[in-house]
Amino acid sequence: MTTQDKNRNPFEIINGEVVLHDEFQGVDRIVINYEQVGAIKFLLEALKNGEI
């Protein structure tokens, strides 16, 4: 395994969903779906605006 492999982010955004590329198990899986991503963005915006 190279240093670049160790530093590679195993997460990727695909179609608005966060996907984990699990090389150990050899599978890709959705860890945060598009609805959850939307909720997180909403909360971060509210926090930024001092609403919460």
N, C-alpha and C. Protein backbone atom coordinates (compact mmCIF):
# COMPACT_ATOMS: atom_id res chain seq x y z
N MET A 1 0.85 -1.18 0.00
CA MET A 1 0.00 0.00 0.00
C MET A 1 0.89 1.24 0.00
N THR A 2 0.61 2.18 -0.88
CA THR A 2 1.41 3.39 -0.98
C THR A 2 0.87 4.46 -0.04
N THR A 3 1.66 5.51 0.16
CA THR A 3 1.23 6.63 1.00
C THR A 3 -0.01 7.27 0.39
N GLN A 4 -0.06 7.36 -0.93
CA GLN A 4 -1.22 7.94 -1.59
C GLN A 4 -2.47 7.12 -1.28
N ASP A 5 -2.37 5.80 -1.27
CA ASP A 5 -3.51 4.95 -0.94
C ASP A 5 -3.97 5.20 0.49
N LYS A 6 -3.03 5.36 1.42
CA LYS A 6 -3.37 5.59 2.82
C LYS A 6 -4.07 6.93 3.00
N ASN A 7 -3.70 7.93 2.21
CA ASN A 7 -4.27 9.27 2.33
C ASN A 7 -5.54 9.45 1.50
N ARG A 8 -5.89 8.47 0.70
CA ARG A 8 -7.06 8.57 -0.16
C ARG A 8 -8.34 8.55 0.68
N ASN A 9 -9.23 9.48 0.40
CA ASN A 9 -10.50 9.55 1.11
C ASN A 9 -11.40 8.41 0.62
N PRO A 10 -11.86 7.55 1.53
CA PRO A 10 -12.70 6.43 1.11
C PRO A 10 -14.15 6.83 0.82
N PHE A 11 -14.48 8.11 1.05
CA PHE A 11 -15.83 8.59 0.82
C PHE A 11 -15.91 9.35 -0.49
N GLU A 12 -17.07 9.26 -1.14
CA GLU A 12 -17.29 9.98 -2.39
C GLU A 12 -18.76 10.38 -2.44
N ILE A 13 -19.04 11.55 -3.00
CA ILE A 13 -20.42 11.99 -3.18
C ILE A 13 -20.86 11.59 -4.58
N ILE A 14 -21.89 10.77 -4.65
CA ILE A 14 -22.43 10.29 -5.92
C ILE A 14 -23.94 10.51 -5.89
N ASN A 15 -24.45 11.28 -6.84
CA ASN A 15 -25.88 11.57 -6.93
C ASN A 15 -26.44 12.10 -5.61
N GLY A 16 -25.68 12.95 -4.92
CA GLY A 16 -26.13 13.57 -3.69
C GLY A 16 -26.08 12.67 -2.47
N GLU A 17 -25.50 11.49 -2.60
CA GLU A 17 -25.37 10.57 -1.48
C GLU A 17 -23.90 10.35 -1.17
N VAL A 18 -23.58 10.12 0.09
CA VAL A 18 -22.20 9.86 0.49
C VAL A 18 -21.99 8.34 0.46
N VAL A 19 -21.04 7.91 -0.35
CA VAL A 19 -20.75 6.49 -0.54
C VAL A 19 -19.39 6.17 0.07
N LEU A 20 -19.33 5.08 0.82
CA LEU A 20 -18.08 4.60 1.39
C LEU A 20 -17.56 3.48 0.49
N HIS A 21 -16.34 3.64 -0.02
CA HIS A 21 -15.69 2.59 -0.79
C HIS A 21 -14.90 1.74 0.20
N ASP A 22 -15.47 0.62 0.58
CA ASP A 22 -14.88 -0.26 1.59
C ASP A 22 -14.00 -1.29 0.88
N GLU A 23 -12.72 -0.95 0.74
CA GLU A 23 -11.81 -1.83 0.02
C GLU A 23 -11.54 -3.12 0.79
N PHE A 24 -11.63 -3.08 2.11
CA PHE A 24 -11.39 -4.27 2.92
C PHE A 24 -12.43 -5.34 2.61
N GLN A 25 -13.70 -4.93 2.52
CA GLN A 25 -14.77 -5.87 2.21
C GLN A 25 -15.05 -5.95 0.71
N GLY A 26 -14.47 -5.03 -0.05
CA GLY A 26 -14.65 -5.04 -1.50
C GLY A 26 -16.03 -4.60 -1.95
N VAL A 27 -16.68 -3.73 -1.18
CA VAL A 27 -18.02 -3.26 -1.55
C VAL A 27 -18.09 -1.75 -1.38
N ASP A 28 -19.04 -1.16 -2.08
CA ASP A 28 -19.38 0.25 -1.90
C ASP A 28 -20.75 0.29 -1.25
N ARG A 29 -20.92 1.19 -0.29
CA ARG A 29 -22.23 1.28 0.35
C ARG A 29 -22.55 2.73 0.67
N ILE A 30 -23.83 3.04 0.59
CA ILE A 30 -24.31 4.39 0.90
C ILE A 30 -24.32 4.53 2.42
N VAL A 31 -23.62 5.55 2.93
CA VAL A 31 -23.60 5.77 4.37
C VAL A 31 -24.44 6.97 4.78
N ILE A 32 -24.64 7.90 3.87
CA ILE A 32 -25.54 9.03 4.12
C ILE A 32 -26.34 9.25 2.83
N ASN A 33 -27.66 9.06 2.89
CA ASN A 33 -28.45 9.22 1.68
C ASN A 33 -28.75 10.69 1.41
N TYR A 34 -29.36 10.97 0.27
CA TYR A 34 -29.56 12.36 -0.15
C TYR A 34 -30.46 13.13 0.80
N GLU A 35 -31.42 12.46 1.45
CA GLU A 35 -32.28 13.15 2.41
C GLU A 35 -31.49 13.56 3.65
N GLN A 36 -30.60 12.68 4.10
CA GLN A 36 -29.77 13.00 5.26
C GLN A 36 -28.78 14.11 4.92
N VAL A 37 -28.22 14.10 3.70
CA VAL A 37 -27.32 15.17 3.27
C VAL A 37 -28.08 16.49 3.28
N GLY A 38 -29.31 16.51 2.79
CA GLY A 38 -30.12 17.73 2.80
C GLY A 38 -30.38 18.24 4.21
N ALA A 39 -30.66 17.32 5.13
CA ALA A 39 -30.90 17.71 6.52
C ALA A 39 -29.64 18.30 7.15
N ILE A 40 -28.50 17.70 6.86
CA ILE A 40 -27.23 18.21 7.40
C ILE A 40 -26.94 19.60 6.86
N LYS A 41 -27.16 19.81 5.55
CA LYS A 41 -26.95 21.13 4.95
C LYS A 41 -27.87 22.16 5.58
N PHE A 42 -29.13 21.79 5.82
CA PHE A 42 -30.10 22.69 6.45
C PHE A 42 -29.64 23.09 7.85
N LEU A 43 -29.20 22.12 8.63
CA LEU A 43 -28.73 22.40 9.98
C LEU A 43 -27.48 23.28 9.98
N LEU A 44 -26.55 23.00 9.07
CA LEU A 44 -25.34 23.82 9.00
C LEU A 44 -25.66 25.26 8.61
N GLU A 45 -26.60 25.45 7.69
CA GLU A 45 -27.01 26.80 7.29
C GLU A 45 -27.66 27.53 8.46
N ALA A 46 -28.52 26.83 9.20
CA ALA A 46 -29.17 27.44 10.36
C ALA A 46 -28.15 27.82 11.42
N LEU A 47 -27.17 26.97 11.62
CA LEU A 47 -26.11 27.25 12.60
C LEU A 47 -25.30 28.46 12.16
N LYS A 48 -24.97 28.52 10.87
CA LYS A 48 -24.20 29.64 10.32
C LYS A 48 -24.96 30.96 10.48
N ASN A 49 -26.27 30.91 10.35
CA ASN A 49 -27.09 32.12 10.45
C ASN A 49 -27.48 32.44 11.89
N GLY A 50 -26.99 31.68 12.86
CA GLY A 50 -27.28 31.93 14.26
C GLY A 50 -28.69 31.57 14.69
N GLU A 51 -29.35 30.74 13.89
CA GLU A 51 -30.74 30.37 14.19
C GLU A 51 -30.80 29.27 15.24
N ILE A 52 -29.72 28.56 15.42
CA ILE A 52 -29.67 27.50 16.45
C ILE A 52 -28.38 27.61 17.23
